[in-house]
PDB file of N, CA and C in Angstrom:
ATOM      1  N   MET A   1     -33.601 156.830-114.389  1.00  0.00           N
ATOM      2  CA  MET A   1     -33.613 156.427-112.993  1.00  0.00           C
ATOM      3  C   MET A   1     -33.279 154.937-112.839  1.00  0.00           C
ATOM      4  N   LEU A   2     -33.796 154.129-113.745  1.00  0.00           N
ATOM      5  CA  LEU A   2     -33.543 152.700-113.695  1.00  0.00           C
ATOM      6  C   LEU A   2     -32.057 152.402-113.894  1.00  0.00           C
ATOM      7  N   GLU A   3     -31.409 153.178-114.759  1.00  0.00           N
ATOM      8  CA  GLU A   3     -29.986 152.977-115.007  1.00  0.00           C
ATOM      9  C   GLU A   3     -29.163 153.236-113.738  1.00  0.00           C
ATOM     10  N   VAL A   4     -29.571 154.234-112.966  1.00  0.00           N
ATOM     11  CA  VAL A   4     -28.866 154.573-111.728  1.00  0.00           C
ATOM     12  C   VAL A   4     -29.009 153.432-110.722  1.00  0.00           C
ATOM     13  N   ILE A   5     -30.184 152.867-110.622  1.00  0.00           N
ATOM     14  CA  ILE A   5     -30.432 151.764-109.690  1.00  0.00           C
ATOM     15  C   ILE A   5     -29.621 150.542-110.096  1.00  0.00           C
ATOM     16  N   VAL A   6     -29.605 150.237-111.389  1.00  0.00           N
ATOM     17  CA  VAL A   6     -28.844 149.090-111.881  1.00  0.00           C
ATOM     18  C   VAL A   6     -27.347 149.304-111.636  1.00  0.00           C
ATOM     19  N   ALA A   7     -26.862 150.507-111.907  1.00  0.00           N
ATOM     20  CA  ALA A   7     -25.453 150.815-111.677  1.00  0.00           C
ATOM     21  C   ALA A   7     -25.108 150.682-110.191  1.00  0.00           C
ATOM     22  N   PHE A   8     -25.985 151.149-109.321  1.00  0.00           N
ATOM     23  CA  PHE A   8     -25.769 151.031-107.884  1.00  0.00           C
ATOM     24  C   PHE A   8     -25.718 149.567-107.459  1.00  0.00           C
ATOM     25  N   LEU A   9     -26.647 148.762-107.965  1.00  0.00           N
ATOM     26  CA  LEU A   9     -26.674 147.348-107.609  1.00  0.00           C
ATOM     27  C   LEU A   9     -25.419 146.619-108.095  1.00  0.00           C
ATOM     28  N   ILE A  10     -24.947 146.970-109.276  1.00  0.00           N
ATOM     29  CA  ILE A  10     -23.730 146.357-109.795  1.00  0.00           C
ATOM     30  C   ILE A  10     -22.538 146.742-108.926  1.00  0.00           C
ATOM     31  N   MET A  11     -22.431 148.006-108.565  1.00  0.00           N
ATOM     32  CA  MET A  11     -21.332 148.457-107.719  1.00  0.00           C
ATOM     33  C   MET A  11     -21.402 147.812-106.336  1.00  0.00           C
ATOM     34  N   PHE A  12     -22.608 147.660-105.821  1.00  0.00           N
ATOM     35  CA  PHE A  12     -22.787 147.024-104.519  1.00  0.00           C
ATOM     36  C   PHE A  12     -22.339 145.566-104.565  1.00  0.00           C
ATOM     37  N   CYS A  13     -22.713 144.854-105.605  1.00  0.00           N
ATOM     38  CA  CYS A  13     -22.315 143.445-105.749  1.00  0.00           C
ATOM     39  C   CYS A  13     -20.800 143.312-105.881  1.00  0.00           C
ATOM     40  N   ILE A  14     -20.181 144.213-106.635  1.00  0.00           N
ATOM     41  CA  ILE A  14     -18.726 144.194-106.778  1.00  0.00           C
ATOM     42  C   ILE A  14     -18.063 144.439-105.425  1.00  0.00           C
ATOM     43  N   ALA A  15     -18.591 145.376-104.649  1.00  0.00           N
ATOM     44  CA  ALA A  15     -18.028 145.671-103.328  1.00  0.00           C
ATOM     45  C   ALA A  15     -18.146 144.467-102.397  1.00  0.00           C
ATOM     46  N   VAL A  16     -19.285 143.784-102.424  1.00  0.00           N
ATOM     47  CA  VAL A  16     -19.475 142.611-101.566  1.00  0.00           C
ATOM     48  C   VAL A  16     -18.501 141.501-101.951  1.00  0.00           C
ATOM     49  N   VAL A  17     -18.320 141.284-103.234  1.00  0.00           N
ATOM     50  CA  VAL A  17     -17.387 140.253-103.693  1.00  0.00           C
ATOM     51  C   VAL A  17     -15.952 140.613-103.292  1.00  0.00           C
ATOM     52  N   CYS A  18     -15.585 141.886-103.414  1.00  0.00           N
ATOM     53  CA  CYS A  18     -14.232 142.318-103.031  1.00  0.00           C
ATOM     54  C   CYS A  18     -13.991 142.124-101.543  1.00  0.00           C
ATOM     55  N   VAL A  19     -14.946 142.479-100.725  1.00  0.00           N
ATOM     56  CA  VAL A  19     -14.796 142.315 -99.277  1.00  0.00           C
ATOM     57  C   VAL A  19     -14.687 140.834 -98.923  1.00  0.00           C
ATOM     58  N   ALA A  20     -15.503 140.004 -99.551  1.00  0.00           N
ATOM     59  CA  ALA A  20     -15.437 138.565 -99.286  1.00  0.00           C
ATOM     60  C   ALA A  20     -14.085 138.004 -99.728  1.00  0.00           C
ATOM     61  N   PHE A  21     -13.599 138.475-100.863  1.00  0.00           N
ATOM     62  CA  PHE A  21     -12.310 138.025-101.381  1.00  0.00           C
ATOM     63  C   PHE A  21     -11.180 138.456-100.454  1.00  0.00           C
ATOM     64  N   LEU A  22     -11.233 139.688 -99.953  1.00  0.00           N
ATOM     65  CA  LEU A  22     -10.193 140.188 -99.058  1.00  0.00           C
ATOM     66  C   LEU A  22     -10.201 139.473 -97.712  1.00  0.00           C
ATOM     67  N   ALA A  23     -11.332 138.899 -97.333  1.00  0.00           N
ATOM     68  CA  ALA A  23     -11.452 138.241 -96.031  1.00  0.00           C
ATOM     69  C   ALA A  23     -10.900 136.819 -96.036  1.00  0.00           C
ATOM     70  N   ILE A  24     -10.535 136.284 -97.190  1.00  0.00           N
ATOM     71  CA  ILE A  24     -10.055 134.900 -97.257  1.00  0.00           C
ATOM     72  C   ILE A  24      -8.841 134.659 -96.356  1.00  0.00           C
ATOM     73  N   PRO A  25      -7.775 135.486 -96.410  1.00  0.00           N
ATOM     74  CA  PRO A  25      -6.645 135.230 -95.493  1.00  0.00           C
ATOM     75  C   PRO A  25      -7.034 135.319 -94.020  1.00  0.00           C
ATOM     76  N   ILE A  26      -7.953 136.213 -93.704  1.00  0.00           N
ATOM     77  CA  ILE A  26      -8.393 136.365 -92.315  1.00  0.00           C
ATOM     78  C   ILE A  26      -9.149 135.115 -91.861  1.00  0.00           C
ATOM     79  N   MET A  27      -9.999 134.583 -92.727  1.00  0.00           N
ATOM     80  CA  MET A  27     -10.738 133.371 -92.384  1.00  0.00           C
ATOM     81  C   MET A  27      -9.794 132.182 -92.220  1.00  0.00           C
ATOM     82  N   ILE A  28      -8.776 132.099 -93.063  1.00  0.00           N
ATOM     83  CA  ILE A  28      -7.793 131.017 -92.939  1.00  0.00           C
ATOM     84  C   ILE A  28      -7.032 131.151 -91.620  1.00  0.00           C
ATOM     85  N   ALA A  29      -6.642 132.379 -91.279  1.00  0.00           N
ATOM     86  CA  ALA A  29      -5.923 132.610 -90.017  1.00  0.00           C
ATOM     87  C   ALA A  29      -6.786 132.217 -88.827  1.00  0.00           C
ATOM     88  N   ASN A  30      -8.061 132.546 -88.861  1.00  0.00           N
ATOM     89  CA  ASN A  30      -8.959 132.163 -87.774  1.00  0.00           C
ATOM     90  C   ASN A  30      -9.078 130.652 -87.666  1.00  0.00           C
ATOM     91  N   ALA A  31      -9.219 129.990 -88.803  1.00  0.00           N
ATOM     92  CA  ALA A  31      -9.386 128.542 -88.800  1.00  0.00           C
ATOM     93  C   ALA A  31      -8.124 127.831 -88.312  1.00  0.00           C
ATOM     94  N   ARG A  32      -6.958 128.410 -88.557  1.00  0.00           N
ATOM     95  CA  ARG A  32      -5.700 127.786 -88.150  1.00  0.00           C
ATOM     96  C   ARG A  32      -5.279 128.193 -86.744  1.00  0.00           C
ATOM     97  N   GLY A  33      -6.053 129.054 -86.079  1.00  0.00           N
ATOM     98  CA  GLY A  33      -5.755 129.437 -84.703  1.00  0.00           C
ATOM     99  C   GLY A  33      -4.649 130.461 -84.568  1.00  0.00           C
ATOM    100  N   ILE A  34      -4.441 131.262 -85.604  1.00  0.00           N
ATOM    101  CA  ILE A  34      -3.418 132.299 -85.543  1.00  0.00           C
ATOM    102  C   ILE A  34      -3.981 133.478 -84.758  1.00  0.00           C
ATOM    103  N   CYS A  35      -3.180 134.012 -83.828  1.00  0.00           N
ATOM    104  CA  CYS A  35      -3.673 135.118 -83.009  1.00  0.00           C
ATOM    105  C   CYS A  35      -2.552 136.111 -82.741  1.00  0.00           C
ATOM    106  N   GLY A  36      -2.857 137.138 -82.008  1.00  0.00           N
ATOM    107  CA  GLY A  36      -1.867 138.128 -81.601  1.00  0.00           C
ATOM    108  C   GLY A  36      -1.368 138.969 -82.757  1.00  0.00           C
ATOM    109  N   GLY A  37      -0.084 139.289 -82.710  1.00  0.00           N
ATOM    110  CA  GLY A  37       0.523 140.142 -83.709  1.00  0.00           C
ATOM    111  C   GLY A  37       0.495 139.542 -85.101  1.00  0.00           C
ATOM    112  N   GLU A  38       0.594 138.215 -85.176  1.00  0.00           N
ATOM    113  CA  GLU A  38       0.555 137.566 -86.482  1.00  0.00           C
ATOM    114  C   GLU A  38      -0.800 137.788 -87.162  1.00  0.00           C
ATOM    115  N   LYS A  39      -1.874 137.643 -86.389  1.00  0.00           N
ATOM    116  CA  LYS A  39      -3.208 137.843 -86.961  1.00  0.00           C
ATOM    117  C   LYS A  39      -3.407 139.304 -87.349  1.00  0.00           C
ATOM    118  N   THR A  40      -2.919 140.212 -86.513  1.00  0.00           N
ATOM    119  CA  THR A  40      -3.024 141.635 -86.834  1.00  0.00           C
ATOM    120  C   THR A  40      -2.309 141.943 -88.142  1.00  0.00           C
ATOM    121  N   THR A  41      -1.133 141.365 -88.331  1.00  0.00           N
ATOM    122  CA  THR A  41      -0.394 141.567 -89.574  1.00  0.00           C
ATOM    123  C   THR A  41      -1.183 141.068 -90.771  1.00  0.00           C
ATOM    124  N   ILE A  42      -1.782 139.892 -90.636  1.00  0.00           N
ATOM    125  CA  ILE A  42      -2.569 139.329 -91.735  1.00  0.00           C
ATOM    126  C   ILE A  42      -3.767 140.211 -92.048  1.00  0.00           C
ATOM    127  N   VAL A  43      -4.448 140.709 -91.009  1.00  0.00           N
ATOM    128  CA  VAL A  43      -5.609 141.567 -91.221  1.00  0.00           C
ATOM    129  C   VAL A  43      -5.213 142.865 -91.926  1.00  0.00           C
ATOM    130  N   VAL A  44      -4.137 143.492 -91.451  1.00  0.00           N
ATOM    131  CA  VAL A  44      -3.699 144.762 -92.044  1.00  0.00           C
ATOM    132  C   VAL A  44      -3.288 144.561 -93.498  1.00  0.00           C
ATOM    133  N   LEU A  45      -2.501 143.529 -93.764  1.00  0.00           N
ATOM    134  CA  LEU A  45      -2.063 143.277 -95.137  1.00  0.00           C
ATOM    135  C   LEU A  45      -3.234 142.937 -96.047  1.00  0.00           C
ATOM    136  N   SER A  46      -4.202 142.223 -95.509  1.00  0.00           N
ATOM    137  CA  SER A  46      -5.371 141.869 -96.307  1.00  0.00           C
ATOM    138  C   SER A  46      -6.191 143.108 -96.649  1.00  0.00           C
ATOM    139  N   VAL A  47      -6.373 143.987 -95.674  1.00  0.00           N
ATOM    140  CA  VAL A  47      -7.138 145.219 -95.924  1.00  0.00           C
ATOM    141  C   VAL A  47      -6.381 146.136 -96.883  1.00  0.00           C
ATOM    142  N   LEU A  48      -5.062 146.195 -96.727  1.00  0.00           N
ATOM    143  CA  LEU A  48      -4.264 147.000 -97.651  1.00  0.00           C
ATOM    144  C   LEU A  48      -4.307 146.443 -99.070  1.00  0.00           C
ATOM    145  N   GLY A  49      -4.747 145.199 -99.195  1.00  0.00           N
ATOM    146  CA  GLY A  49      -4.907 144.601-100.514  1.00  0.00           C
ATOM    147  C   GLY A  49      -5.910 145.343-101.380  1.00  0.00           C
ATOM    148  N   ILE A  50      -6.764 146.159-100.752  1.00  0.00           N
ATOM    149  CA  ILE A  50      -7.697 147.000-101.515  1.00  0.00           C
ATOM    150  C   ILE A  50      -6.909 147.951-102.398  1.00  0.00           C
ATOM    151  N   PHE A  51      -5.818 148.490-101.859  1.00  0.00           N
ATOM    152  CA  PHE A  51      -5.021 149.483-102.581  1.00  0.00           C
ATOM    153  C   PHE A  51      -3.826 148.861-103.296  1.00  0.00           C
ATOM    154  N   PHE A  52      -3.216 147.875-102.647  1.00  0.00           N
ATOM    155  CA  PHE A  52      -2.025 147.231-103.191  1.00  0.00           C
ATOM    156  C   PHE A  52      -2.293 145.728-103.240  1.00  0.00           C
ATOM    157  N   GLY A  53      -2.574 145.197-104.387  1.00  0.00           N
ATOM    158  CA  GLY A  53      -2.950 143.784-104.506  1.00  0.00           C
ATOM    159  C   GLY A  53      -1.905 142.821-103.972  1.00  0.00           C
ATOM    160  N   LEU A  54      -0.635 143.210-104.034  1.00  0.00           N
ATOM    161  CA  LEU A  54       0.435 142.330-103.589  1.00  0.00           C
ATOM    162  C   LEU A  54       0.346 142.041-102.093  1.00  0.00           C
ATOM    163  N   THR A  55      -0.114 142.999-101.309  1.00  0.00           N
ATOM    164  CA  THR A  55      -0.202 142.769 -99.862  1.00  0.00           C
ATOM    165  C   THR A  55      -1.217 141.679 -99.535  1.00  0.00           C
ATOM    166  N   TRP A  56      -2.255 141.558-100.352  1.00  0.00           N
ATOM    167  CA  TRP A  56      -3.239 140.491-100.132  1.00  0.00           C
ATOM    168  C   TRP A  56      -2.591 139.128-100.344  1.00  0.00           C
ATOM    169  N   VAL A  57      -1.762 139.029-101.369  1.00  0.00           N
ATOM    170  CA  VAL A  57      -1.060 137.775-101.645  1.00  0.00           C
ATOM    171  C   VAL A  57      -0.129 137.431-100.480  1.00  0.00           C
ATOM    172  N   VAL A  58       0.572 138.430 -99.951  1.00  0.00           N
ATOM    173  CA  VAL A  58       1.456 138.208 -98.797  1.00  0.00           C
ATOM    174  C   VAL A  58       0.630 137.748 -97.591  1.00  0.00           C
ATOM    175  N   ALA A  59      -0.524 138.372 -97.358  1.00  0.00           N
ATOM    176  CA  ALA A  59      -1.386 137.971 -96.246  1.00  0.00           C
ATOM    177  C   ALA A  59      -1.857 136.533 -96.415  1.00  0.00           C
ATOM    178  N   LEU A  60      -2.188 136.155 -97.636  1.00  0.00           N
ATOM    179  CA  LEU A  60      -2.618 134.785 -97.904  1.00  0.00           C
ATOM    180  C   LEU A  60      -1.497 133.800 -97.611  1.00  0.00           C
ATOM    181  N   ILE A  61      -0.297 134.106 -98.061  1.00  0.00           N
ATOM    182  CA  ILE A  61       0.845 133.218 -97.826  1.00  0.00           C
ATOM    183  C   ILE A  61       1.136 133.106 -96.330  1.00  0.00           C
ATOM    184  N   LEU A  62       1.114 134.226 -95.622  1.00  0.00           N
ATOM    185  CA  LEU A  62       1.380 134.194 -94.181  1.00  0.00           C
ATOM    186  C   LEU A  62       0.314 133.399 -93.434  1.00  0.00           C
ATOM    187  N   SER A  63      -0.930 133.527 -93.856  1.00  0.00           N
ATOM    188  CA  SER A  63      -2.000 132.781 -93.178  1.00  0.00           C
ATOM    189  C   SER A  63      -1.853 131.278 -93.391  1.00  0.00           C
ATOM    190  N   LEU A  64      -1.190 130.890 -94.469  1.00  0.00           N
ATOM    191  CA  LEU A  64      -0.973 129.470 -94.732  1.00  0.00           C
ATOM    192  C   LEU A  64       0.319 128.946 -94.108  1.00  0.00           C
ATOM    193  N   VAL A  65       1.282 129.838 -93.863  1.00  0.00           N
ATOM    194  CA  VAL A  65       2.595 129.416 -93.375  1.00  0.00           C
ATOM    195  C   VAL A  65       2.687 129.461 -91.853  1.00  0.00           C
ATOM    196  N   TRP A  66       2.199 130.535 -91.242  1.00  0.00           N
ATOM    197  CA  TRP A  66       2.336 130.694 -89.795  1.00  0.00           C
ATOM    198  C   TRP A  66       1.522 129.664 -89.048  1.00  0.00           C
ATOM    199  N   ARG A  67       2.101 129.208 -87.929  1.00  0.00           N
ATOM    200  CA  ARG A  67       1.404 128.255 -87.060  1.00  0.00           C
ATOM    201  C   ARG A  67       0.504 128.991 -86.094  1.00  0.00           C
ATOM    202  N   GLY A  68      -0.646 128.411 -85.814  1.00  0.00           N
ATOM    203  CA  GLY A  68      -1.545 128.976 -84.825  1.00  0.00           C
ATOM    204  C   GLY A  68      -1.108 128.599 -83.427  1.00  0.00           C
ATOM    205  N   ASP A  69      -0.966 129.589 -82.559  1.00  0.00           N
ATOM    206  CA  ASP A  69      -0.540 129.331 -81.189  1.00  0.00           C
ATOM    207  C   ASP A  69      -1.677 129.464 -80.179  1.00  0.00           C
ATOM    208  N   CYS A  70      -2.823 129.908 -80.628  1.00  0.00           N
ATOM    209  CA  CYS A  70      -3.938 130.083 -79.704  1.00  0.00           C
ATOM    210  C   CYS A  70      -4.631 128.755 -79.449  1.00  0.00           C
ATOM    211  N   LEU A  71      -5.042 128.577 -78.243  1.00  0.00           N
ATOM    212  CA  LEU A  71      -5.821 127.392 -77.932  1.00  0.00           C
ATOM    213  C   LEU A  71      -7.247 127.613 -78.396  1.00  0.00           C
ATOM    214  N   GLY A  72      -7.687 126.789 -79.294  1.00  0.00           N
ATOM    215  CA  GLY A  72      -9.065 126.885 -79.760  1.00  0.00           C
ATOM    216  C   GLY A  72      -9.977 126.105 -78.848  1.00  0.00           C
ATOM    217  N   GLY A  73     -11.249 126.100 -79.161  1.00  0.00           N
ATOM    218  CA  GLY A  73     -12.223 125.381 -78.361  1.00  0.00           C
ATOM    219  C   GLY A  73     -11.933 123.894 -78.317  1.00  0.00           C
ATOM    220  N   ASP A  74     -11.443 123.345 -79.424  1.00  0.00           N
ATOM    221  CA  ASP A  74     -11.152 121.924 -79.491  1.00  0.00           C
ATOM    222  C   ASP A  74     -10.053 121.541 -78.501  1.00  0.00           C
ATOM    223  N   ALA A  75      -8.994 122.333 -78.449  1.00  0.00           N
ATOM    224  CA  ALA A  75      -7.895 122.044 -77.527  1.00  0.00           C
ATOM    225  C   ALA A  75      -8.351 122.189 -76.071  1.00  0.00           C
ATOM    226  N   LEU A  76      -9.175 123.178 -75.806  1.00  0.00           N
ATOM    227  CA  LEU A  76      -9.677 123.357 -74.439  1.00  0.00           C
ATOM    228  C   LEU A  76     -10.560 122.190 -74.026  1.00  0.00           C
ATOM    229  N   ASP A  77     -11.377 121.708 -74.962  1.00  0.00           N
ATOM    230  CA  ASP A  77     -12.211 120.536 -74.670  1.00  0.00           C
ATOM    231  C   ASP A  77     -11.347 119.320 -74.349  1.00  0.00           C
ATOM    232  N   LYS A  78     -10.279 119.145 -75.123  1.00  0.00           N
ATOM    233  CA  LYS A  78      -9.380 118.018 -74.878  1.00  0.00           C
ATOM    234  C   LYS A  78      -8.700 118.140 -73.517  1.00  0.00           C
ATOM    235  N   LEU A  79      -8.307 119.369 -73.156  1.00  0.00           N
ATOM    236  CA  LEU A  79      -7.689 119.564 -71.833  1.00  0.00           C
ATOM    237  C   LEU A  79      -8.666 119.248 -70.703  1.00  0.00           C
ATOM    238  N   GLU A  80      -9.917 119.652 -70.874  1.00  0.00           N
ATOM    239  CA  GLU A  80     -10.922 119.364 -69.850  1.00  0.00           C
ATOM    240  C   GLU A  80     -11.143 117.856 -69.716  1.00  0.00           C
ATOM    241  N   LYS A  81     -11.222 117.165 -70.840  1.00  0.00           N
ATOM    242  CA  LYS A  81     -11.406 115.711 -70.801  1.00  0.00           C
ATOM    243  C   LYS A  81     -10.197 115.028 -70.166  1.00  0.00           C
ATOM    244  N   LEU A  82      -9.020 115.520 -70.516  1.00  0.00           N
ATOM    245  CA  LEU A  82      -7.797 114.969 -69.936  1.00  0.00           C
ATOM    246  C   LEU A  82      -7.762 115.176 -68.426  1.00  0.00           C
ATOM    247  N   SER A  83      -8.182 116.353 -67.984  1.00  0.00           N
ATOM    248  CA  SER A  83      -8.227 116.644 -66.553  1.00  0.00           C
ATOM    249  C   SER A  83      -9.223 115.724 -65.843  1.00  0.00           C
ATOM    250  N   LYS A  84     -10.345 115.485 -66.486  1.00  0.00           N
ATOM    251  CA  LYS A  84     -11.355 114.602 -65.893  1.00  0.00           C
ATOM    252  C   LYS A  84     -10.816 113.167 -65.780  1.00  0.00           C
ATOM    253  N   LEU A  85     -10.088 112.717 -66.808  1.00  0.00           N
ATOM    254  CA  LEU A  85      -9.488 111.380 -66.746  1.00  0.00           C
ATOM    255  C   LEU A  85      -8.507 111.270 -65.581  1.00  0.00           C
ATOM    256  N   TYR A  86      -7.741 112.329 -65.370  1.00  0.00           N
ATOM    257  CA  TYR A  86      -6.784 112.319 -64.258  1.00  0.00           C
ATOM    258  C   TYR A  86      -7.510 112.334 -62.908  1.00  0.00           C
ATOM    259  N   LYS A  87      -8.525 113.166 -62.799  1.00  0.00           N
ATOM    260  CA  LYS A  87      -9.267 113.245 -61.526  1.00  0.00           C
ATOM    261  C   LYS A  87      -9.995 111.945 -61.209  1.00  0.00           C
ATOM    262  N   ASP A  88     -10.443 111.247 -62.258  1.00  0.00           N
ATOM    263  CA  ASP A  88     -11.132 109.964 -62.063  1.00  0.00           C
ATOM    264  C   ASP A  88     -10.145 108.801 -61.926  1.00  0.00           C
ATOM    265  N   LYS A  89      -8.845 109.124 -61.915  1.00  0.00           N
ATOM    266  CA  LYS A  89      -7.765 108.151 -61.733  1.00  0.00           C
ATOM    267  C   LYS A  89      -7.725 107.094 -62.831  1.00  0.00           C
ATOM    268  N   VAL A  90      -8.101 107.513 -64.030  1.00  0.00           N
ATOM    269  CA  VAL A  90      -8.000 106.626 -65.188  1.00  0.00           C
ATOM    270  C   VAL A  90      -6.574 106.642 -65.734  1.00  0.00           C
ATOM    271  N   ILE A  91      -5.921 107.811 -65.628  1.00  0.00           N
ATOM    272  CA  ILE A  91      -4.527 107.932 -66.057  1.00  0.00           C
ATOM    273  C   ILE A  91      -3.686 108.422 -64.877  1.00  0.00           C
ATOM    274  N   THR A  92      -2.398 108.145 -64.959  1.00  0.00           N
ATOM    275  CA  THR A  92      -1.485 108.568 -63.885  1.00  0.00           C
ATOM    276  C   THR A  92      -1.091 110.030 -64.072  1.00  0.00           C
ATOM    277  N   LYS A  93      -0.435 110.567 -63.027  1.00  0.00           N
ATOM    278  CA  LYS A  93      -0.007 111.962 -63.101  1.00  0.00           C
ATOM    279  C   LYS A  93       1.022 112.164 -64.214  1.00  0.00           C
ATOM    280  N   SER A  94       1.948 111.222 -64.370  1.00  0.00           N
ATOM    281  CA  SER A  94       2.958 111.368 -65.427  1.00  0.00           C
ATOM    282  C   SER A  94       2.318 111.300 -66.816  1.00  0.00           C
ATOM    283  N   GLU A  95       1.337 110.410 -66.992  1.00  0.00           N
ATOM    284  CA  GLU A  95       0.617 110.347 -68.272  1.00  0.00           C
ATOM    285  C   GLU A  95      -0.139 111.644 -68.529  1.00  0.00           C
ATOM    286  N   TYR A  96      -0.767 112.167 -67.473  1.00  0.00           N
ATOM    287  CA  TYR A  96      -1.508 113.416 -67.590  1.00  0.00           C
ATOM    288  C   TYR A  96      -0.583 114.553 -68.004  1.00  0.00           C
ATOM    289  N   GLU A  97       0.562 114.671 -67.329  1.00  0.00           N
ATOM    290  CA  GLU A  97       1.514 115.747 -67.648  1.00  0.00           C
ATOM    291  C   GLU A  97       2.053 115.603 -69.067  1.00  0.00           C
ATOM    292  N   GLN A  98       2.338 114.392 -69.471  1.00  0.00           N
ATOM    293  CA  GLN A  98       2.864 114.158 -70.822  1.00  0.00           C
ATOM    294  C   GLN A  98       1.832 114.525 -71.881  1.00  0.00           C
ATOM    295  N   MET A  99       0.592 114.074 -71.711  1.00  0.00           N
ATOM    296  CA  MET A  99      -0.453 114.390 -72.696  1.00  0.00           C
ATOM    297  C   MET A  99      -0.781 115.880 -72.704  1.00  0.00           C
ATOM    298  N   LYS A 100      -0.765 116.490 -71.523  1.00  0.00           N
ATOM    299  CA  LYS A 100      -1.048 117.917 -71.431  1.00  0.00           C
ATOM    300  C   LYS A 100       0.019 118.728 -72.171  1.00  0.00           C
ATOM    301  N   SER A 101       1.287 118.345 -71.987  1.00  0.00           N
ATOM    302  CA  SER A 101       2.351 119.101 -72.671  1.00  0.00           C
ATOM    303  C   SER A 101       2.257 118.921 -74.187  1.00  0.00           C
ATOM    304  N   LYS A 102       1.851 117.739 -74.657  1.00  0.00           N
ATOM    305  CA  LYS A 102       1.650 117.548 -76.096  1.00  0.00           C
ATOM    306  C   LYS A 102       0.543 118.454 -76.637  1.00  0.00           C
ATOM    307  N   LEU A 103      -0.545 118.551 -75.871  1.00  0.00           N
ATOM    308  CA  LEU A 103      -1.663 119.401 -76.292  1.00  0.00           C
ATOM    309  C   LEU A 103      -1.254 120.879 -76.334  1.00  0.00           C
ATOM    310  N   LEU A 104      -0.516 121.304 -75.334  1.00  0.00           N
ATOM    311  CA  LEU A 104      -0.142 122.711 -75.245  1.00  0.00           C
ATOM    312  C   LEU A 104       0.933 123.091 -76.251  1.00  0.00           C
ATOM    313  N   ASN A 105       1.725 122.126 -76.693  1.00  0.00           N
ATOM    314  CA  ASN A 105       2.796 122.415 -77.655  1.00  0.00           C
ATOM    315  C   ASN A 105       2.352 122.287 -79.101  1.00  0.00           C
ATOM    316  N   LYS A 106       1.138 121.844 -79.345  1.00  0.00           N
ATOM    317  CA  LYS A 106       0.643 121.713 -80.721  1.00  0.00           C
ATOM    318  C   LYS A 106       0.570 123.023 -81.404  1.00  0.00           C
TER     319      LYS A 106
END
């Protein structure tokens, strides 16, 4: 009975490590702000890495190469601060528009 429990615990630990390992490209994509179809592709390729190891490598490369187009919390905070500066008349409308377009094009 003890052997069965030990074998189960070993298999469980291996499964947890594999899932954590497969999630690396997904975590990188999240951190870089990748969203939409690109993120879906990374997730699918990463999960398929369970069966085909090469797809995990492709997902990792894509998560490092593709640019994130989603506005994260940091960009939204910057936009709010920029809007407040404009409303408080600290910056001009042209400065506001220029800085806003830089933020949105990042």
